[in-house]
Protein backbone atom coordinates (compact mmCIF):
# COMPACT_ATOMS: atom_id res chain seq x y z
CA MET A 1 104.00 84.75 87.70
CA GLU A 2 105.64 81.85 89.15
CA LYS A 3 106.62 83.53 92.29
CA LEU A 4 102.76 84.23 92.93
CA ILE A 5 101.82 80.78 92.45
CA GLU A 6 104.60 79.54 94.69
CA LEU A 7 103.35 81.97 97.49
CA GLU A 8 99.90 80.83 97.02
CA ALA A 9 100.85 77.05 97.25
CA GLU A 10 103.10 77.83 100.41
CA GLY A 11 100.71 80.19 102.10
CA GLY A 12 102.73 83.40 101.87
CA VAL A 13 105.70 84.34 103.69
CA LEU A 14 103.65 85.11 107.11
CA HIS A 15 102.43 81.59 107.11
CA GLY A 16 105.82 80.03 107.17
CA SER A 17 107.59 82.41 109.54
CA LEU A 18 104.68 83.82 111.62
CA PRO A 19 101.99 81.27 112.03
CA TRP A 20 100.85 82.84 115.35
CA LEU A 21 100.33 86.19 113.72
CA ILE A 22 98.05 84.45 111.07
CA GLU A 23 95.96 82.70 113.67
CA LEU A 24 95.68 86.27 115.54
CA LEU A 25 94.71 87.85 112.57
CA GLU A 26 92.16 85.31 111.50
CA VAL A 27 90.44 85.50 115.33
CA ILE A 28 90.32 89.29 114.85
CA ALA A 29 88.75 88.89 111.44
CA GLU A 30 86.25 86.58 113.11
CA ILE A 31 85.51 89.21 115.99
CA ILE A 32 84.88 91.80 113.34
CA ASP A 33 82.36 89.51 111.59
CA ILE A 34 80.59 88.85 115.06
CA ALA A 35 80.65 92.60 115.76
CA ALA A 36 78.94 93.32 112.18
CA ILE A 37 76.40 90.89 112.83
CA LEU A 38 75.70 92.15 116.29
CA LEU A 39 75.47 95.83 114.81
CA LEU A 40 72.89 94.50 112.40
CA LEU A 41 71.08 92.93 115.05
CA VAL A 42 70.77 95.89 117.26
CA GLY A 43 69.78 98.19 114.35
CA ALA A 44 67.07 95.53 113.44
CA THR A 45 65.69 95.39 117.01
CA ARG A 46 65.75 99.15 117.37
CA PHE A 47 63.89 99.46 113.87
CA ILE A 48 61.29 96.94 114.93
CA ALA A 49 60.63 98.46 118.21
CA GLY A 50 60.58 101.96 116.64
CA VAL A 51 58.04 100.87 113.95
CA ILE A 52 55.97 99.28 116.60
CA PHE A 53 55.93 102.29 118.78
CA ALA A 54 55.06 104.47 115.82
CA GLU A 55 52.06 102.21 114.77
CA ILE A 56 50.69 102.25 118.46
CA ALA A 57 51.31 105.92 119.47
CA ARG A 58 51.01 107.96 116.36
CA GLN A 59 48.37 108.68 113.76
CA GLY A 60 48.56 109.63 109.92
CA ALA A 61 51.54 111.47 108.80
CA ASP A 62 53.40 111.63 111.95
CA ARG A 63 53.16 107.80 111.96
CA VAL A 64 54.71 107.83 108.50
CA ARG A 65 57.41 110.40 109.40
CA ARG A 66 58.34 108.22 112.50
CA THR A 67 58.63 105.09 110.63
CA ASN A 68 60.72 106.89 107.68
CA ARG A 69 63.21 108.19 110.56
CA GLU A 70 63.33 104.49 111.91
CA ARG A 71 64.30 103.43 108.27
CA ILE A 72 67.05 106.12 108.08
CA GLU A 73 68.30 104.74 111.29
CA LEU A 74 68.24 101.26 110.21
CA GLY A 75 70.16 102.22 106.96
CA ARG A 76 72.99 103.78 109.06
CA TYR A 77 73.34 100.24 111.16
CA ILE A 78 73.20 98.39 107.73
CA LEU A 79 75.84 100.54 106.14
CA ALA A 80 78.07 100.45 109.25
CA GLY A 81 77.57 96.55 109.22
CA LEU A 82 78.57 96.29 105.65
CA GLU A 83 81.72 98.31 106.19
CA LEU A 84 82.89 95.85 109.07
CA PHE A 85 82.06 92.88 106.72
CA ILE A 86 84.39 94.48 104.06
CA VAL A 87 87.22 94.80 106.65
CA SER A 88 86.86 91.40 107.65
CA ASP A 89 86.85 90.06 104.06
CA VAL A 90 90.03 92.06 103.26
CA ILE A 91 91.94 90.55 106.31
CA HIS A 92 90.93 87.01 105.34
CA THR A 93 91.79 87.63 101.64
CA ALA A 94 95.18 89.10 102.69
CA LEU A 95 95.91 85.94 104.74
CA SER A 96 94.85 83.35 102.21
CA LEU A 97 96.76 84.77 99.32
CA LYS A 98 94.60 82.77 96.84
CA PHE A 99 93.51 84.14 93.41
CA SER A 100 90.03 83.02 93.66
CA ASP A 101 89.85 84.57 97.09
CA LEU A 102 90.90 87.81 95.63
CA LEU A 103 88.32 87.58 92.91
CA PHE A 104 85.61 86.58 95.59
CA LEU A 105 86.51 89.75 97.44
CA PHE A 106 86.48 91.98 94.26
CA MET A 107 83.02 90.88 93.60
CA LEU A 108 81.96 91.35 97.28
CA VAL A 109 83.18 94.71 97.39
CA ILE A 110 81.62 95.68 94.25
CA ILE A 111 78.26 94.28 95.54
CA ARG A 112 78.48 95.84 98.91
CA SER A 113 79.37 99.15 97.39
CA ILE A 114 76.56 98.99 94.90
CA THR A 115 74.22 98.24 97.82
CA SER A 116 75.70 100.90 99.97
CA TYR A 117 75.46 103.36 97.29
CA PHE A 118 71.73 102.76 96.55
CA LEU A 119 70.94 102.47 100.38
CA ASP A 120 72.70 105.69 100.93
CA ARG A 121 70.57 107.57 98.02
CA GLU A 122 67.54 106.22 99.68
CA LEU A 123 68.39 107.53 102.95
CA GLY A 124 69.29 110.89 101.51
CA GLN A 125 65.82 110.91 99.83
CA LEU A 126 64.11 110.03 102.86
CA LYS A 127 66.03 112.85 104.87
CA GLN A 128 64.93 115.23 102.35
CA GLU A 129 61.30 114.15 102.66
CA LEU A 130 61.37 114.60 106.54
CA GLY A 131 63.16 117.98 106.08
CA ASN A 132 60.31 119.05 103.86
CA ASP A 133 57.50 117.98 106.29
């Protein structure tokens, strides 16, 4: 336990001998964060455009079907974005070596996994409904 506390206080082995690598990995994690945000923005933009198109061009059940297809597509973007955020969080936590960051990562992964699970279930139900129409 003392070794872990010492590593946390010192910043770990890499911090002392390879600070350039730490900086590079931090930049990579930030790029992954930006990529996740951009992915979510692309998904949101496509969703909004698709729903507007469905509302303007379609009537009745066809409009609902088109909107549900857009929801499925948005869900895929959200799931991909969440996965990228998890990758970034793992990198940040591995570099910090702080127990509090590890607990924070654990809670984030649980929350994001639960969100992903229920979103995936909802997408599956939407796909079934679209398959039955």
